[in-house]
């Protein structure tokens, strides 16, 4: 039995700013890496390091499919996901540390 969890997440730079969609099996570690600019690339270049939204999956294939769906979707739909679930645009990273 697989007890792993997978996360599809949206990071933002500031309210209505630059967005990034990713998938991981360790959300706390991955967001920490973004915050601390551990991995060179898009999020480091554009300062995209605040967790705005995430979903939890038990199956990696479902998580990857959702990530592709979000990445293929328009910006407006991503902003709406954040607005609906996190209207104050809080950095949810500090909520998942517990």
PDB file of N, CA and C in Angstrom:
ATOM      1  N   UNK A   1       0.846  -1.197   0.000  1.00  0.00           N
ATOM      2  CA  UNK A   1       0.000   0.000   0.000  1.00  0.00           C
ATOM      3  C   UNK A   1       0.883   1.249   0.000  1.00  0.00           C
ATOM      4  N   UNK A   2       0.512   2.200  -0.833  1.00  0.00           N
ATOM      5  CA  UNK A   2       1.289   3.425  -0.966  1.00  0.00           C
ATOM      6  C   UNK A   2       0.666   4.518  -0.102  1.00  0.00           C
ATOM      7  N   UNK A   3       1.381   4.968   0.905  1.00  0.00           N
ATOM      8  CA  UNK A   3       0.877   6.004   1.799  1.00  0.00           C
ATOM      9  C   UNK A   3       1.421   7.382   1.454  1.00  0.00           C
ATOM     10  N   UNK A   4       2.074   7.502   0.334  1.00  0.00           N
ATOM     11  CA  UNK A   4       2.637   8.792  -0.056  1.00  0.00           C
ATOM     12  C   UNK A   4       1.542   9.763  -0.433  1.00  0.00           C
ATOM     13  N   UNK A   5       1.861  11.013  -0.270  1.00  0.00           N
ATOM     14  CA  UNK A   5       0.967  12.067  -0.741  1.00  0.00           C
ATOM     15  C   UNK A   5       1.730  12.930  -1.727  1.00  0.00           C
ATOM     16  N   UNK A   6       1.006  13.426  -2.679  1.00  0.00           N
ATOM     17  CA  UNK A   6       1.589  14.280  -3.708  1.00  0.00           C
ATOM     18  C   UNK A   6       0.816  15.587  -3.726  1.00  0.00           C
ATOM     19  N   UNK A   7       1.500  16.649  -4.070  1.00  0.00           N
ATOM     20  CA  UNK A   7       0.915  17.978  -4.002  1.00  0.00           C
ATOM     21  C   UNK A   7       1.099  18.713  -5.320  1.00  0.00           C
ATOM     22  N   UNK A   8       0.031  19.311  -5.777  1.00  0.00           N
ATOM     23  CA  UNK A   8       0.091  20.252  -6.888  1.00  0.00           C
ATOM     24  C   UNK A   8      -0.065  21.615  -6.240  1.00  0.00           C
ATOM     25  N   UNK A   9       0.821  22.548  -6.582  1.00  0.00           N
ATOM     26  CA  UNK A   9       0.823  23.814  -5.871  1.00  0.00           C
ATOM     27  C   UNK A   9       0.997  24.989  -6.827  1.00  0.00           C
ATOM     28  N   UNK A  10       0.522  26.139  -6.356  1.00  0.00           N
ATOM     29  CA  UNK A  10       0.715  27.383  -7.096  1.00  0.00           C
ATOM     30  C   UNK A  10       1.458  28.354  -6.186  1.00  0.00           C
ATOM     31  N   UNK A  11       2.576  28.846  -6.681  1.00  0.00           N
ATOM     32  CA  UNK A  11       3.337  29.877  -5.983  1.00  0.00           C
ATOM     33  C   UNK A  11       3.061  31.218  -6.653  1.00  0.00           C
ATOM     34  N   UNK A  12       3.231  32.291  -5.886  1.00  0.00           N
ATOM     35  CA  UNK A  12       3.097  33.623  -6.446  1.00  0.00           C
ATOM     36  C   UNK A  12       4.189  34.535  -5.913  1.00  0.00           C
ATOM     37  N   UNK A  13       4.440  35.618  -6.651  1.00  0.00           N
ATOM     38  CA  UNK A  13       5.474  36.577  -6.234  1.00  0.00           C
ATOM     39  C   UNK A  13       4.864  37.649  -5.335  1.00  0.00           C
ATOM     40  N   UNK A  14       3.663  38.102  -5.694  1.00  0.00           N
ATOM     41  CA  UNK A  14       2.897  39.099  -4.938  1.00  0.00           C
ATOM     42  C   UNK A  14       1.455  38.965  -5.402  1.00  0.00           C
ATOM     43  N   UNK A  15       0.531  39.625  -4.750  1.00  0.00           N
ATOM     44  CA  UNK A  15      -0.868  39.530  -5.158  1.00  0.00           C
ATOM     45  C   UNK A  15      -0.995  39.884  -6.634  1.00  0.00           C
ATOM     46  N   UNK A  16      -1.645  38.981  -7.377  1.00  0.00           N
ATOM     47  CA  UNK A  16      -1.835  39.128  -8.825  1.00  0.00           C
ATOM     48  C   UNK A  16      -0.516  39.220  -9.592  1.00  0.00           C
ATOM     49  N   UNK A  17       0.567  38.730  -8.988  1.00  0.00           N
ATOM     50  CA  UNK A  17       1.881  38.783  -9.628  1.00  0.00           C
ATOM     51  C   UNK A  17       2.172  37.547 -10.471  1.00  0.00           C
ATOM     52  N   UNK A  18       3.443  37.239 -10.581  1.00  0.00           N
ATOM     53  CA  UNK A  18       3.901  36.093 -11.360  1.00  0.00           C
ATOM     54  C   UNK A  18       3.503  34.799 -10.647  1.00  0.00           C
ATOM     55  N   UNK A  19       3.061  33.804 -11.425  1.00  0.00           N
ATOM     56  CA  UNK A  19       2.611  32.522 -10.876  1.00  0.00           C
ATOM     57  C   UNK A  19       3.502  31.388 -11.359  1.00  0.00           C
ATOM     58  N   UNK A  20       3.546  30.334 -10.551  1.00  0.00           N
ATOM     59  CA  UNK A  20       4.282  29.118 -10.913  1.00  0.00           C
ATOM     60  C   UNK A  20       3.482  27.924 -10.426  1.00  0.00           C
ATOM     61  N   UNK A  21       3.328  26.911 -11.266  1.00  0.00           N
ATOM     62  CA  UNK A  21       2.632  25.678 -10.901  1.00  0.00           C
ATOM     63  C   UNK A  21       3.649  24.547 -10.842  1.00  0.00           C
ATOM     64  N   UNK A  22       3.598  23.752  -9.770  1.00  0.00           N
ATOM     65  CA  UNK A  22       4.516  22.624  -9.638  1.00  0.00           C
ATOM     66  C   UNK A  22       3.856  21.432  -8.990  1.00  0.00           C
ATOM     67  N   UNK A  23       4.596  20.328  -8.940  1.00  0.00           N
ATOM     68  CA  UNK A  23       4.131  19.107  -8.282  1.00  0.00           C
ATOM     69  C   UNK A  23       5.288  18.552  -7.454  1.00  0.00           C
ATOM     70  N   UNK A  24       4.979  17.982  -6.296  1.00  0.00           N
ATOM     71  CA  UNK A  24       6.021  17.453  -5.408  1.00  0.00           C
ATOM     72  C   UNK A  24       5.432  16.412  -4.474  1.00  0.00           C
ATOM     73  N   UNK A  25       6.296  15.633  -3.837  1.00  0.00           N
ATOM     74  CA  UNK A  25       5.828  14.713  -2.798  1.00  0.00           C
ATOM     75  C   UNK A  25       6.196  15.219  -1.406  1.00  0.00           C
ATOM     76  N   UNK A  26       6.822  16.403  -1.346  1.00  0.00           N
ATOM     77  CA  UNK A  26       7.178  16.995  -0.052  1.00  0.00           C
ATOM     78  C   UNK A  26       6.994  18.506  -0.167  1.00  0.00           C
ATOM     79  N   UNK A  27       5.786  18.959   0.139  1.00  0.00           N
ATOM     80  CA  UNK A  27       5.435  20.361  -0.084  1.00  0.00           C
ATOM     81  C   UNK A  27       6.264  21.317   0.763  1.00  0.00           C
ATOM     82  N   UNK A  28       6.460  20.993   2.032  1.00  0.00           N
ATOM     83  CA  UNK A  28       7.224  21.881   2.910  1.00  0.00           C
ATOM     84  C   UNK A  28       8.650  22.052   2.382  1.00  0.00           C
ATOM     85  N   UNK A  29       9.293  20.935   2.058  1.00  0.00           N
ATOM     86  CA  UNK A  29      10.672  20.993   1.551  1.00  0.00           C
ATOM     87  C   UNK A  29      10.745  21.750   0.231  1.00  0.00           C
ATOM     88  N   UNK A  30       9.803  21.493  -0.671  1.00  0.00           N
ATOM     89  CA  UNK A  30       9.857  22.114  -1.992  1.00  0.00           C
ATOM     90  C   UNK A  30       9.645  23.619  -1.908  1.00  0.00           C
ATOM     91  N   UNK A  31       8.675  24.057  -1.118  1.00  0.00           N
ATOM     92  CA  UNK A  31       8.447  25.495  -0.995  1.00  0.00           C
ATOM     93  C   UNK A  31       9.649  26.148  -0.310  1.00  0.00           C
ATOM     94  N   UNK A  32      10.233  25.471   0.689  1.00  0.00           N
ATOM     95  CA  UNK A  32      11.447  25.983   1.337  1.00  0.00           C
ATOM     96  C   UNK A  32      12.545  26.193   0.293  1.00  0.00           C
ATOM     97  N   UNK A  33      12.693  25.226  -0.618  1.00  0.00           N
ATOM     98  CA  UNK A  33      13.707  25.345  -1.674  1.00  0.00           C
ATOM     99  C   UNK A  33      13.442  26.567  -2.553  1.00  0.00           C
ATOM    100  N   UNK A  34      12.168  26.795  -2.882  1.00  0.00           N
ATOM    101  CA  UNK A  34      11.826  27.983  -3.674  1.00  0.00           C
ATOM    102  C   UNK A  34      12.157  29.254  -2.884  1.00  0.00           C
ATOM    103  N   UNK A  35      11.778  29.286  -1.612  1.00  0.00           N
ATOM    104  CA  UNK A  35      12.000  30.465  -0.770  1.00  0.00           C
ATOM    105  C   UNK A  35      13.492  30.777  -0.616  1.00  0.00           C
ATOM    106  N   UNK A  36      14.286  29.745  -0.546  1.00  0.00           N
ATOM    107  CA  UNK A  36      15.717  29.918  -0.310  1.00  0.00           C
ATOM    108  C   UNK A  36      16.538  29.870  -1.598  1.00  0.00           C
ATOM    109  N   UNK A  37      15.841  29.921  -2.720  1.00  0.00           N
ATOM    110  CA  UNK A  37      16.484  30.015  -4.041  1.00  0.00           C
ATOM    111  C   UNK A  37      17.527  28.919  -4.248  1.00  0.00           C
ATOM    112  N   UNK A  38      17.175  27.707  -3.787  1.00  0.00           N
ATOM    113  CA  UNK A  38      18.096  26.571  -3.887  1.00  0.00           C
ATOM    114  C   UNK A  38      18.256  26.107  -5.335  1.00  0.00           C
ATOM    115  N   UNK A  39      17.164  26.145  -6.090  1.00  0.00           N
ATOM    116  CA  UNK A  39      17.197  25.666  -7.469  1.00  0.00           C
ATOM    117  C   UNK A  39      17.141  26.859  -8.417  1.00  0.00           C
ATOM    118  N   UNK A  40      18.111  26.923  -9.318  1.00  0.00           N
ATOM    119  CA  UNK A  40      18.112  28.001 -10.295  1.00  0.00           C
ATOM    120  C   UNK A  40      16.966  27.796 -11.269  1.00  0.00           C
ATOM    121  N   UNK A  41      16.402  28.892 -11.738  1.00  0.00           N
ATOM    122  CA  UNK A  41      15.337  28.774 -12.729  1.00  0.00           C
ATOM    123  C   UNK A  41      14.306  29.865 -12.586  1.00  0.00           C
ATOM    124  N   UNK A  42      13.118  29.574 -13.084  1.00  0.00           N
ATOM    125  CA  UNK A  42      12.041  30.553 -13.177  1.00  0.00           C
ATOM    126  C   UNK A  42      11.707  31.192 -11.833  1.00  0.00           C
ATOM    127  N   UNK A  43      11.470  30.376 -10.805  1.00  0.00           N
ATOM    128  CA  UNK A  43      11.025  30.943  -9.523  1.00  0.00           C
ATOM    129  C   UNK A  43      12.113  31.792  -8.886  1.00  0.00           C
ATOM    130  N   UNK A  44      13.366  31.393  -9.039  1.00  0.00           N
ATOM    131  CA  UNK A  44      14.472  32.189  -8.514  1.00  0.00           C
ATOM    132  C   UNK A  44      14.583  33.511  -9.266  1.00  0.00           C
ATOM    133  N   UNK A  45      14.493  33.440 -10.578  1.00  0.00           N
ATOM    134  CA  UNK A  45      14.649  34.626 -11.423  1.00  0.00           C
ATOM    135  C   UNK A  45      13.563  35.666 -11.154  1.00  0.00           C
ATOM    136  N   UNK A  46      12.339  35.199 -10.926  1.00  0.00           N
ATOM    137  CA  UNK A  46      11.206  36.118 -10.796  1.00  0.00           C
ATOM    138  C   UNK A  46      10.703  36.286  -9.360  1.00  0.00           C
ATOM    139  N   UNK A  47      11.403  35.724  -8.382  1.00  0.00           N
ATOM    140  CA  UNK A  47      11.027  35.890  -6.984  1.00  0.00           C
ATOM    141  C   UNK A  47       9.674  35.291  -6.635  1.00  0.00           C
ATOM    142  N   UNK A  48       9.375  34.155  -7.233  1.00  0.00           N
ATOM    143  CA  UNK A  48       8.088  33.488  -7.009  1.00  0.00           C
ATOM    144  C   UNK A  48       8.281  32.491  -5.866  1.00  0.00           C
ATOM    145  N   UNK A  49       7.898  32.885  -4.643  1.00  0.00           N
ATOM    146  CA  UNK A  49       8.240  32.042  -3.490  1.00  0.00           C
ATOM    147  C   UNK A  49       7.174  32.007  -2.395  1.00  0.00           C
ATOM    148  N   UNK A  50       5.946  32.400  -2.723  1.00  0.00           N
ATOM    149  CA  UNK A  50       4.871  32.364  -1.724  1.00  0.00           C
ATOM    150  C   UNK A  50       3.839  31.322  -2.147  1.00  0.00           C
ATOM    151  N   UNK A  51       3.479  30.453  -1.228  1.00  0.00           N
ATOM    152  CA  UNK A  51       2.523  29.388  -1.521  1.00  0.00           C
ATOM    153  C   UNK A  51       1.111  29.954  -1.456  1.00  0.00           C
ATOM    154  N   UNK A  52       0.441  29.966  -2.599  1.00  0.00           N
ATOM    155  CA  UNK A  52      -0.900  30.539  -2.662  1.00  0.00           C
ATOM    156  C   UNK A  52      -2.008  29.524  -2.656  1.00  0.00           C
ATOM    157  N   UNK A  53      -1.697  28.299  -3.117  1.00  0.00           N
ATOM    158  CA  UNK A  53      -2.742  27.286  -3.271  1.00  0.00           C
ATOM    159  C   UNK A  53      -2.077  25.928  -3.428  1.00  0.00           C
ATOM    160  N   UNK A  54      -2.741  24.890  -2.914  1.00  0.00           N
ATOM    161  CA  UNK A  54      -2.248  23.529  -3.167  1.00  0.00           C
ATOM    162  C   UNK A  54      -3.376  22.520  -3.073  1.00  0.00           C
ATOM    163  N   UNK A  55      -3.181  21.395  -3.724  1.00  0.00           N
ATOM    164  CA  UNK A  55      -4.101  20.265  -3.694  1.00  0.00           C
ATOM    165  C   UNK A  55      -3.309  19.021  -3.319  1.00  0.00           C
ATOM    166  N   UNK A  56      -3.972  18.065  -2.669  1.00  0.00           N
ATOM    167  CA  UNK A  56      -3.322  16.843  -2.206  1.00  0.00           C
ATOM    168  C   UNK A  56      -3.853  15.654  -3.001  1.00  0.00           C
ATOM    169  N   UNK A  57      -2.959  14.780  -3.427  1.00  0.00           N
ATOM    170  CA  UNK A  57      -3.311  13.581  -4.183  1.00  0.00           C
ATOM    171  C   UNK A  57      -2.610  12.378  -3.578  1.00  0.00           C
ATOM    172  N   UNK A  58      -3.240  11.211  -3.700  1.00  0.00           N
ATOM    173  CA  UNK A  58      -2.612   9.974  -3.240  1.00  0.00           C
ATOM    174  C   UNK A  58      -1.942   9.234  -4.388  1.00  0.00           C
ATOM    175  N   UNK A  59      -2.194   9.679  -5.594  1.00  0.00           N
ATOM    176  CA  UNK A  59      -1.664   9.016  -6.784  1.00  0.00           C
ATOM    177  C   UNK A  59      -0.840  10.015  -7.600  1.00  0.00           C
ATOM    178  N   UNK A  60       0.402   9.668  -7.882  1.00  0.00           N
ATOM    179  CA  UNK A  60       1.301  10.575  -8.591  1.00  0.00           C
ATOM    180  C   UNK A  60       0.788  10.894  -9.985  1.00  0.00           C
ATOM    181  N   UNK A  61       0.178   9.924 -10.644  1.00  0.00           N
ATOM    182  CA  UNK A  61      -0.307  10.168 -12.002  1.00  0.00           C
ATOM    183  C   UNK A  61      -1.441  11.193 -12.016  1.00  0.00           C
ATOM    184  N   UNK A  62      -2.300  11.139 -11.014  1.00  0.00           N
ATOM    185  CA  UNK A  62      -3.381  12.131 -10.897  1.00  0.00           C
ATOM    186  C   UNK A  62      -2.799  13.516 -10.641  1.00  0.00           C
ATOM    187  N   UNK A  63      -1.776  13.573  -9.786  1.00  0.00           N
ATOM    188  CA  UNK A  63      -1.143  14.851  -9.468  1.00  0.00           C
ATOM    189  C   UNK A  63      -0.483  15.446 -10.711  1.00  0.00           C
ATOM    190  N   UNK A  64       0.221  14.622 -11.466  1.00  0.00           N
ATOM    191  CA  UNK A  64       0.893  15.105 -12.674  1.00  0.00           C
ATOM    192  C   UNK A  64      -0.137  15.563 -13.705  1.00  0.00           C
ATOM    193  N   UNK A  65      -1.223  14.821 -13.836  1.00  0.00           N
ATOM    194  CA  UNK A  65      -2.275  15.205 -14.778  1.00  0.00           C
ATOM    195  C   UNK A  65      -2.872  16.560 -14.387  1.00  0.00           C
ATOM    196  N   UNK A  66      -3.098  16.759 -13.100  1.00  0.00           N
ATOM    197  CA  UNK A  66      -3.645  18.039 -12.633  1.00  0.00           C
ATOM    198  C   UNK A  66      -2.648  19.176 -12.850  1.00  0.00           C
ATOM    199  N   UNK A  67      -1.367  18.909 -12.581  1.00  0.00           N
ATOM    200  CA  UNK A  67      -0.346  19.927 -12.822  1.00  0.00           C
ATOM    201  C   UNK A  67      -0.362  20.352 -14.287  1.00  0.00           C
ATOM    202  N   UNK A  68      -0.422  19.370 -15.201  1.00  0.00           N
ATOM    203  CA  UNK A  68      -0.443  19.675 -16.636  1.00  0.00           C
ATOM    204  C   UNK A  68      -1.695  20.461 -17.002  1.00  0.00           C
ATOM    205  N   UNK A  69      -2.822  20.099 -16.371  1.00  0.00           N
ATOM    206  CA  UNK A  69      -4.073  20.814 -16.639  1.00  0.00           C
ATOM    207  C   UNK A  69      -3.958  22.277 -16.219  1.00  0.00           C
ATOM    208  N   UNK A  70      -3.407  22.505 -15.015  1.00  0.00           N
ATOM    209  CA  UNK A  70      -3.242  23.877 -14.531  1.00  0.00           C
ATOM    210  C   UNK A  70      -2.242  24.656 -15.387  1.00  0.00           C
ATOM    211  N   UNK A  71      -1.119  24.023 -15.720  1.00  0.00           N
ATOM    212  CA  UNK A  71      -0.108  24.700 -16.533  1.00  0.00           C
ATOM    213  C   UNK A  71      -0.653  25.033 -17.911  1.00  0.00           C
ATOM    214  N   UNK A  72      -1.526  24.173 -18.425  1.00  0.00           N
ATOM    215  CA  UNK A  72      -2.099  24.398 -19.751  1.00  0.00           C
ATOM    216  C   UNK A  72      -3.259  25.378 -19.729  1.00  0.00           C
ATOM    217  N   UNK A  73      -3.773  25.645 -18.546  1.00  0.00           N
ATOM    218  CA  UNK A  73      -4.903  26.560 -18.426  1.00  0.00           C
ATOM    219  C   UNK A  73      -4.468  28.007 -18.481  1.00  0.00           C
ATOM    220  N   UNK A  74      -5.442  28.884 -18.438  1.00  0.00           N
ATOM    221  CA  UNK A  74      -5.101  30.296 -18.524  1.00  0.00           C
ATOM    222  C   UNK A  74      -4.787  30.878 -17.150  1.00  0.00           C
ATOM    223  N   UNK A  75      -4.175  32.014 -17.175  1.00  0.00           N
ATOM    224  CA  UNK A  75      -3.774  32.711 -15.949  1.00  0.00           C
ATOM    225  C   UNK A  75      -4.983  33.021 -15.072  1.00  0.00           C
ATOM    226  N   UNK A  76      -6.080  33.436 -15.705  1.00  0.00           N
ATOM    227  CA  UNK A  76      -7.288  33.815 -14.975  1.00  0.00           C
ATOM    228  C   UNK A  76      -7.780  32.663 -14.087  1.00  0.00           C
ATOM    229  N   UNK A  77      -7.755  31.444 -14.597  1.00  0.00           N
ATOM    230  CA  UNK A  77      -8.237  30.301 -13.810  1.00  0.00           C
ATOM    231  C   UNK A  77      -7.335  30.036 -12.602  1.00  0.00           C
ATOM    232  N   UNK A  78      -6.047  30.262 -12.748  1.00  0.00           N
ATOM    233  CA  UNK A  78      -5.119  30.086 -11.618  1.00  0.00           C
ATOM    234  C   UNK A  78      -5.363  31.162 -10.560  1.00  0.00           C
ATOM    235  N   UNK A  79      -5.535  32.404 -11.024  1.00  0.00           N
ATOM    236  CA  UNK A  79      -5.828  33.498 -10.093  1.00  0.00           C
ATOM    237  C   UNK A  79      -7.135  33.234  -9.353  1.00  0.00           C
ATOM    238  N   UNK A  80      -8.137  32.703 -10.060  1.00  0.00           N
ATOM    239  CA  UNK A  80      -9.426  32.405  -9.438  1.00  0.00           C
ATOM    240  C   UNK A  80      -9.292  31.320  -8.367  1.00  0.00           C
ATOM    241  N   UNK A  81      -8.454  30.319  -8.610  1.00  0.00           N
ATOM    242  CA  UNK A  81      -8.219  29.274  -7.606  1.00  0.00           C
ATOM    243  C   UNK A  81      -7.653  29.877  -6.328  1.00  0.00           C
ATOM    244  N   UNK A  82      -6.684  30.758  -6.477  1.00  0.00           N
ATOM    245  CA  UNK A  82      -6.094  31.404  -5.305  1.00  0.00           C
ATOM    246  C   UNK A  82      -7.130  32.296  -4.623  1.00  0.00           C
ATOM    247  N   UNK A  83      -7.806  33.122  -5.382  1.00  0.00           N
ATOM    248  CA  UNK A  83      -8.794  34.053  -4.818  1.00  0.00           C
ATOM    249  C   UNK A  83      -9.897  33.314  -4.064  1.00  0.00           C
ATOM    250  N   UNK A  84     -10.365  32.206  -4.636  1.00  0.00           N
ATOM    251  CA  UNK A  84     -11.459  31.444  -4.029  1.00  0.00           C
ATOM    252  C   UNK A  84     -11.036  30.782  -2.723  1.00  0.00           C
ATOM    253  N   UNK A  85      -9.832  30.244  -2.699  1.00  0.00           N
ATOM    254  CA  UNK A  85      -9.362  29.457  -1.553  1.00  0.00           C
ATOM    255  C   UNK A  85      -8.477  30.233  -0.591  1.00  0.00           C
ATOM    256  N   UNK A  86      -7.929  31.342  -1.039  1.00  0.00           N
ATOM    257  CA  UNK A  86      -6.990  32.121  -0.241  1.00  0.00           C
ATOM    258  C   UNK A  86      -7.175  33.607  -0.582  1.00  0.00           C
ATOM    259  N   UNK A  87      -8.369  34.149  -0.277  1.00  0.00           N
ATOM    260  CA  UNK A  87      -8.702  35.505  -0.718  1.00  0.00           C
ATOM    261  C   UNK A  87      -7.778  36.602  -0.192  1.00  0.00           C
ATOM    262  N   UNK A  88      -7.107  36.365   0.915  1.00  0.00           N
ATOM    263  CA  UNK A  88      -6.182  37.364   1.469  1.00  0.00           C
ATOM    264  C   UNK A  88      -4.765  37.227   0.915  1.00  0.00           C
ATOM    265  N   UNK A  89      -4.565  36.266   0.027  1.00  0.00           N
ATOM    266  CA  UNK A  89      -3.261  36.014  -0.574  1.00  0.00           C
ATOM    267  C   UNK A  89      -2.191  35.811   0.498  1.00  0.00           C
ATOM    268  N   UNK A  90      -2.522  35.011   1.508  1.00  0.00           N
ATOM    269  CA  UNK A  90      -1.532  34.686   2.536  1.00  0.00           C
ATOM    270  C   UNK A  90      -0.521  33.706   1.959  1.00  0.00           C
ATOM    271  N   UNK A  91       0.673  33.737   2.497  1.00  0.00           N
ATOM    272  CA  UNK A  91       1.680  32.740   2.143  1.00  0.00           C
ATOM    273  C   UNK A  91       1.357  31.507   2.983  1.00  0.00           C
ATOM    274  N   UNK A  92       0.765  30.495   2.360  1.00  0.00           N
ATOM    275  CA  UNK A  92       0.297  29.310   3.079  1.00  0.00           C
ATOM    276  C   UNK A  92       1.438  28.432   3.584  1.00  0.00           C
ATOM    277  N   UNK A  93       2.653  28.742   3.201  1.00  0.00           N
ATOM    278  CA  UNK A  93       3.805  27.975   3.667  1.00  0.00           C
ATOM    279  C   UNK A  93       3.825  27.912   5.185  1.00  0.00           C
ATOM    280  N   UNK A  94       3.525  29.029   5.816  1.00  0.00           N
ATOM    281  CA  UNK A  94       3.599  29.077   7.275  1.00  0.00           C
ATOM    282  C   UNK A  94       2.455  28.314   7.929  1.00  0.00           C
ATOM    283  N   UNK A  95       1.404  28.023   7.167  1.00  0.00           N
ATOM    284  CA  UNK A  95       0.283  27.214   7.671  1.00  0.00           C
ATOM    285  C   UNK A  95       0.585  25.726   7.607  1.00  0.00           C
ATOM    286  N   UNK A  96       1.438  25.318   6.668  1.00  0.00           N
ATOM    287  CA  UNK A  96       1.716  23.880   6.502  1.00  0.00           C
ATOM    288  C   UNK A  96       2.913  23.419   7.299  1.00  0.00           C
ATOM    289  N   UNK A  97       3.573  24.314   8.009  1.00  0.00           N
ATOM    290  CA  UNK A  97       4.762  23.945   8.795  1.00  0.00           C
ATOM    291  C   UNK A  97       4.419  23.107  10.019  1.00  0.00           C
ATOM    292  N   UNK A  98       3.192  23.223  10.521  1.00  0.00           N
ATOM    293  CA  UNK A  98       2.810  22.510  11.742  1.00  0.00           C
ATOM    294  C   UNK A  98       2.827  21.016  11.579  1.00  0.00           C
TER     295      UNK A  98
END
